[in-house]
Each structure stands twice: as C-alpha cells, then as structure tokens.
Amino acid sequence: MQNRDIGYEILEGLTEIENFKKGKLKLRTTELSEPSEPRIIREKLNLSQSAFAGLLGVSTRTLQDWEQGRRCPQGPAIALLRIAEQHPNVFVELS
C-alpha cells in the first residue's frame, strides 16, 4: 500500500483552484451520455423484466413504466442503466 501525503494533496488542490481563478488553468470536465432505453439494455442482457428490475433495485412496475414511456429513470437509476449498458459483464455476473 502506498503512503499518501494528504497535506500535500490538499495544498496542491488549493493551488489548482487559485490557478483556475486566475485563468491559468482549465478544469477537466467529462460529458456523460444518456443511456439507451431500458428495454434495449434489458434485452441485450437477455433478462426478464422482473430480473432486470431486481438488479436495478426498482419494482417491475417501475421498469414497465420506463419501458412504456410513462415515466423516465431519474438520478441513481440513470447511473445504473449506464453501467448496465457500458459494462454488461457486471450485471451478467450478478444475475
């Protein structure tokens, strides 16, 4: 295990903030794409609605509402759908 110098890391972060405020540094940003429709992700994983809903931690009814366009996933559900789409092996191992 590598020893960290937390004090140094904090000072380094404060220096970055100062340089950003002075216009000397651009901050790195990442744009996250919206996941595909839940139905498409579920079908690619070859899971039933109840199995996929269970892995996402939502009710089957909620998943059905998403798939039929009556509701849209929000917050953490979007993150889980993105993981299911981009790293399906994680969900396959759990099922």
N, C-alpha and C. Protein backbone atom coordinates (compact mmCIF):
# COMPACT_ATOMS: atom_id res chain seq x y z
N MET A 1 0.84 -1.18 0.00
CA MET A 1 0.00 0.00 0.00
C MET A 1 0.89 1.24 0.00
N GLN A 2 0.53 2.19 -0.81
CA GLN A 2 1.33 3.40 -0.96
C GLN A 2 0.90 4.43 0.09
N ASN A 3 1.90 5.07 0.73
CA ASN A 3 1.60 6.14 1.68
C ASN A 3 1.25 7.41 0.92
N ARG A 4 0.19 8.07 1.39
CA ARG A 4 -0.24 9.32 0.77
C ARG A 4 0.10 10.48 1.69
N ASP A 5 0.42 11.59 1.08
CA ASP A 5 0.67 12.82 1.83
C ASP A 5 -0.56 13.71 1.63
N ILE A 6 -1.53 13.54 2.53
CA ILE A 6 -2.81 14.24 2.40
C ILE A 6 -2.61 15.76 2.45
N GLY A 7 -1.73 16.21 3.31
CA GLY A 7 -1.47 17.65 3.41
C GLY A 7 -0.98 18.21 2.08
N TYR A 8 -0.06 17.50 1.44
CA TYR A 8 0.46 17.93 0.15
C TYR A 8 -0.66 17.94 -0.89
N GLU A 9 -1.51 16.89 -0.89
CA GLU A 9 -2.60 16.81 -1.87
C GLU A 9 -3.59 17.97 -1.68
N ILE A 10 -3.86 18.35 -0.44
CA ILE A 10 -4.76 19.48 -0.18
C ILE A 10 -4.14 20.77 -0.69
N LEU A 11 -2.87 20.99 -0.39
CA LEU A 11 -2.20 22.20 -0.87
C LEU A 11 -2.15 22.24 -2.39
N GLU A 12 -1.91 21.09 -3.01
CA GLU A 12 -1.89 21.01 -4.47
C GLU A 12 -3.26 21.38 -5.04
N GLY A 13 -4.33 20.90 -4.39
CA GLY A 13 -5.68 21.22 -4.83
C GLY A 13 -5.98 22.70 -4.70
N LEU A 14 -5.54 23.30 -3.59
CA LEU A 14 -5.75 24.74 -3.39
C LEU A 14 -4.99 25.55 -4.44
N THR A 15 -3.80 25.10 -4.81
CA THR A 15 -3.03 25.77 -5.85
C THR A 15 -3.75 25.69 -7.18
N GLU A 16 -4.34 24.52 -7.47
CA GLU A 16 -5.11 24.37 -8.71
C GLU A 16 -6.30 25.32 -8.74
N ILE A 17 -6.99 25.44 -7.62
CA ILE A 17 -8.14 26.36 -7.54
C ILE A 17 -7.68 27.79 -7.80
N GLU A 18 -6.59 28.17 -7.17
CA GLU A 18 -6.05 29.52 -7.34
C GLU A 18 -5.69 29.79 -8.80
N ASN A 19 -5.01 28.82 -9.43
CA ASN A 19 -4.62 28.98 -10.84
C ASN A 19 -5.84 29.04 -11.75
N PHE A 20 -6.88 28.27 -11.42
CA PHE A 20 -8.11 28.31 -12.21
C PHE A 20 -8.76 29.70 -12.12
N LYS A 21 -8.84 30.24 -10.91
CA LYS A 21 -9.45 31.55 -10.71
C LYS A 21 -8.68 32.65 -11.43
N LYS A 22 -7.37 32.48 -11.56
CA LYS A 22 -6.55 33.47 -12.26
C LYS A 22 -6.55 33.24 -13.76
N GLY A 23 -7.22 32.20 -14.23
CA GLY A 23 -7.29 31.91 -15.66
C GLY A 23 -6.07 31.19 -16.19
N LYS A 24 -5.24 30.67 -15.31
CA LYS A 24 -4.02 29.98 -15.73
C LYS A 24 -4.24 28.48 -15.96
N LEU A 25 -5.41 28.00 -15.61
CA LEU A 25 -5.67 26.56 -15.66
C LEU A 25 -7.11 26.32 -16.10
N LYS A 26 -7.31 25.36 -16.99
CA LYS A 26 -8.65 24.93 -17.38
C LYS A 26 -8.95 23.64 -16.63
N LEU A 27 -10.15 23.55 -16.12
CA LEU A 27 -10.55 22.34 -15.42
C LEU A 27 -11.00 21.28 -16.42
N ARG A 28 -10.71 20.05 -16.07
CA ARG A 28 -11.10 18.92 -16.92
C ARG A 28 -12.55 18.57 -16.61
N THR A 29 -13.35 18.42 -17.65
CA THR A 29 -14.74 18.04 -17.47
C THR A 29 -15.04 16.81 -18.32
N THR A 30 -16.07 16.09 -17.94
CA THR A 30 -16.47 14.90 -18.67
C THR A 30 -17.96 14.97 -18.93
N GLU A 31 -18.35 14.78 -20.18
CA GLU A 31 -19.75 14.74 -20.55
C GLU A 31 -20.20 13.28 -20.56
N LEU A 32 -21.26 12.99 -19.84
CA LEU A 32 -21.80 11.63 -19.81
C LEU A 32 -22.99 11.55 -20.74
N SER A 33 -23.00 10.52 -21.56
CA SER A 33 -24.12 10.36 -22.49
C SER A 33 -25.29 9.71 -21.77
N GLU A 34 -26.47 9.95 -22.31
CA GLU A 34 -27.67 9.31 -21.77
C GLU A 34 -27.64 7.83 -22.16
N PRO A 35 -28.04 6.95 -21.26
CA PRO A 35 -28.09 5.53 -21.62
C PRO A 35 -29.20 5.27 -22.63
N SER A 36 -29.12 4.14 -23.29
CA SER A 36 -30.18 3.72 -24.22
C SER A 36 -31.46 3.48 -23.42
N GLU A 37 -32.52 3.19 -24.14
CA GLU A 37 -33.79 2.89 -23.48
C GLU A 37 -33.63 1.64 -22.61
N PRO A 38 -34.25 1.62 -21.43
CA PRO A 38 -34.13 0.47 -20.54
C PRO A 38 -34.48 -0.87 -21.21
N ARG A 39 -35.49 -0.87 -22.07
CA ARG A 39 -35.88 -2.11 -22.75
C ARG A 39 -34.75 -2.66 -23.60
N ILE A 40 -34.06 -1.78 -24.32
CA ILE A 40 -32.95 -2.20 -25.18
C ILE A 40 -31.82 -2.79 -24.35
N ILE A 41 -31.48 -2.13 -23.24
CA ILE A 41 -30.42 -2.61 -22.37
C ILE A 41 -30.81 -3.98 -21.80
N ARG A 42 -32.05 -4.10 -21.32
CA ARG A 42 -32.53 -5.36 -20.73
C ARG A 42 -32.48 -6.49 -21.74
N GLU A 43 -32.92 -6.20 -22.96
CA GLU A 43 -32.93 -7.25 -23.99
C GLU A 43 -31.52 -7.68 -24.37
N LYS A 44 -30.57 -6.74 -24.40
CA LYS A 44 -29.18 -7.10 -24.70
C LYS A 44 -28.60 -8.01 -23.62
N LEU A 45 -29.06 -7.80 -22.38
CA LEU A 45 -28.61 -8.63 -21.27
C LEU A 45 -29.38 -9.95 -21.19
N ASN A 46 -30.42 -10.07 -22.02
CA ASN A 46 -31.25 -11.27 -22.06
C ASN A 46 -31.88 -11.57 -20.69
N LEU A 47 -32.42 -10.52 -20.07
CA LEU A 47 -33.04 -10.66 -18.75
C LEU A 47 -34.54 -10.37 -18.84
N SER A 48 -35.30 -11.04 -17.97
CA SER A 48 -36.73 -10.74 -17.87
C SER A 48 -36.89 -9.39 -17.19
N GLN A 49 -38.09 -8.83 -17.30
CA GLN A 49 -38.35 -7.55 -16.64
C GLN A 49 -38.15 -7.68 -15.13
N SER A 50 -38.63 -8.75 -14.54
CA SER A 50 -38.51 -8.88 -13.08
C SER A 50 -37.05 -9.05 -12.65
N ALA A 51 -36.27 -9.80 -13.41
CA ALA A 51 -34.85 -9.99 -13.07
C ALA A 51 -34.08 -8.68 -13.20
N PHE A 52 -34.31 -7.95 -14.28
CA PHE A 52 -33.61 -6.69 -14.51
C PHE A 52 -34.01 -5.66 -13.46
N ALA A 53 -35.31 -5.59 -13.17
CA ALA A 53 -35.79 -4.66 -12.14
C ALA A 53 -35.13 -4.98 -10.80
N GLY A 54 -35.02 -6.25 -10.47
CA GLY A 54 -34.38 -6.65 -9.22
C GLY A 54 -32.93 -6.22 -9.15
N LEU A 55 -32.20 -6.35 -10.24
CA LEU A 55 -30.79 -5.92 -10.27
C LEU A 55 -30.66 -4.41 -10.13
N LEU A 56 -31.64 -3.68 -10.66
CA LEU A 56 -31.61 -2.21 -10.56
C LEU A 56 -32.14 -1.71 -9.23
N GLY A 57 -32.82 -2.60 -8.49
CA GLY A 57 -33.39 -2.20 -7.21
C GLY A 57 -34.67 -1.40 -7.34
N VAL A 58 -35.42 -1.67 -8.41
CA VAL A 58 -36.71 -0.99 -8.62
C VAL A 58 -37.78 -2.06 -8.78
N SER A 59 -39.02 -1.66 -8.68
CA SER A 59 -40.12 -2.61 -8.87
C SER A 59 -40.27 -2.93 -10.35
N THR A 60 -40.85 -4.09 -10.62
CA THR A 60 -41.14 -4.47 -12.00
C THR A 60 -42.06 -3.44 -12.64
N ARG A 61 -43.00 -2.93 -11.87
CA ARG A 61 -43.94 -1.92 -12.37
C ARG A 61 -43.20 -0.65 -12.81
N THR A 62 -42.20 -0.23 -12.02
CA THR A 62 -41.41 0.96 -12.39
C THR A 62 -40.68 0.71 -13.70
N LEU A 63 -40.06 -0.46 -13.84
CA LEU A 63 -39.37 -0.79 -15.08
C LEU A 63 -40.34 -0.79 -16.25
N GLN A 64 -41.52 -1.35 -16.06
CA GLN A 64 -42.53 -1.36 -17.12
C GLN A 64 -42.92 0.06 -17.51
N ASP A 65 -43.07 0.92 -16.52
CA ASP A 65 -43.40 2.33 -16.81
C ASP A 65 -42.30 2.98 -17.64
N TRP A 66 -41.03 2.69 -17.32
CA TRP A 66 -39.92 3.24 -18.10
C TRP A 66 -39.98 2.72 -19.54
N GLU A 67 -40.18 1.41 -19.66
CA GLU A 67 -40.15 0.80 -20.99
C GLU A 67 -41.32 1.25 -21.86
N GLN A 68 -42.43 1.60 -21.23
CA GLN A 68 -43.60 2.04 -21.99
C GLN A 68 -43.69 3.56 -22.10
N GLY A 69 -42.69 4.27 -21.58
CA GLY A 69 -42.62 5.71 -21.73
C GLY A 69 -43.52 6.50 -20.81
N ARG A 70 -44.10 5.86 -19.81
CA ARG A 70 -44.96 6.58 -18.87
C ARG A 70 -44.14 7.35 -17.83
N ARG A 71 -42.95 6.88 -17.57
CA ARG A 71 -42.04 7.55 -16.64
C ARG A 71 -40.62 7.44 -17.19
N CYS A 72 -39.73 8.27 -16.66
CA CYS A 72 -38.32 8.25 -17.06
C CYS A 72 -37.47 7.95 -15.84
N PRO A 73 -36.40 7.17 -16.03
CA PRO A 73 -35.49 6.92 -14.91
C PRO A 73 -34.88 8.24 -14.43
N GLN A 74 -34.61 8.32 -13.15
CA GLN A 74 -34.03 9.52 -12.55
C GLN A 74 -32.82 9.15 -11.70
N GLY A 75 -31.95 10.11 -11.50
CA GLY A 75 -30.83 10.01 -10.56
C GLY A 75 -30.02 8.73 -10.65
N PRO A 76 -29.95 8.00 -9.54
CA PRO A 76 -29.12 6.79 -9.49
C PRO A 76 -29.53 5.74 -10.51
N ALA A 77 -30.81 5.70 -10.86
CA ALA A 77 -31.27 4.71 -11.84
C ALA A 77 -30.59 4.95 -13.20
N ILE A 78 -30.41 6.20 -13.56
CA ILE A 78 -29.73 6.51 -14.82
C ILE A 78 -28.29 6.01 -14.77
N ALA A 79 -27.64 6.21 -13.63
CA ALA A 79 -26.26 5.75 -13.47
C ALA A 79 -26.19 4.22 -13.59
N LEU A 80 -27.13 3.52 -12.96
CA LEU A 80 -27.14 2.05 -13.05
C LEU A 80 -27.41 1.57 -14.46
N LEU A 81 -28.31 2.26 -15.17
CA LEU A 81 -28.57 1.89 -16.56
C LEU A 81 -27.33 2.11 -17.43
N ARG A 82 -26.61 3.19 -17.17
CA ARG A 82 -25.38 3.47 -17.92
C ARG A 82 -24.35 2.35 -17.67
N ILE A 83 -24.23 1.92 -16.41
CA ILE A 83 -23.30 0.83 -16.09
C ILE A 83 -23.74 -0.46 -16.77
N ALA A 84 -25.05 -0.76 -16.72
CA ALA A 84 -25.57 -1.97 -17.35
C ALA A 84 -25.28 -1.98 -18.85
N GLU A 85 -25.36 -0.81 -19.46
CA GLU A 85 -25.12 -0.71 -20.91
C GLU A 85 -23.64 -0.77 -21.25
N GLN A 86 -22.81 -0.05 -20.49
CA GLN A 86 -21.40 0.05 -20.84
C GLN A 86 -20.55 -1.07 -20.26
N HIS A 87 -21.03 -1.71 -19.19
CA HIS A 87 -20.29 -2.81 -18.56
C HIS A 87 -21.25 -3.95 -18.24
N PRO A 88 -21.82 -4.56 -19.28
CA PRO A 88 -22.84 -5.59 -19.07
C PRO A 88 -22.35 -6.78 -18.26
N ASN A 89 -21.04 -7.04 -18.29
CA ASN A 89 -20.50 -8.17 -17.55
C ASN A 89 -20.80 -8.07 -16.06
N VAL A 90 -20.87 -6.85 -15.54
CA VAL A 90 -21.18 -6.65 -14.13
C VAL A 90 -22.58 -7.18 -13.83
N PHE A 91 -23.53 -6.88 -14.69
CA PHE A 91 -24.91 -7.32 -14.47
C PHE A 91 -25.06 -8.81 -14.75
N VAL A 92 -24.33 -9.33 -15.73
CA VAL A 92 -24.40 -10.76 -16.04
C VAL A 92 -23.89 -11.57 -14.84
N GLU A 93 -22.82 -11.08 -14.19
CA GLU A 93 -22.28 -11.77 -13.03
C GLU A 93 -23.26 -11.76 -11.87
N LEU A 94 -24.05 -10.69 -11.74
CA LEU A 94 -25.00 -10.58 -10.64
C LEU A 94 -26.25 -11.40 -10.86
N SER A 95 -26.60 -11.65 -12.11
CA SER A 95 -27.87 -12.35 -12.38
C SER A 95 -27.75 -13.84 -12.20
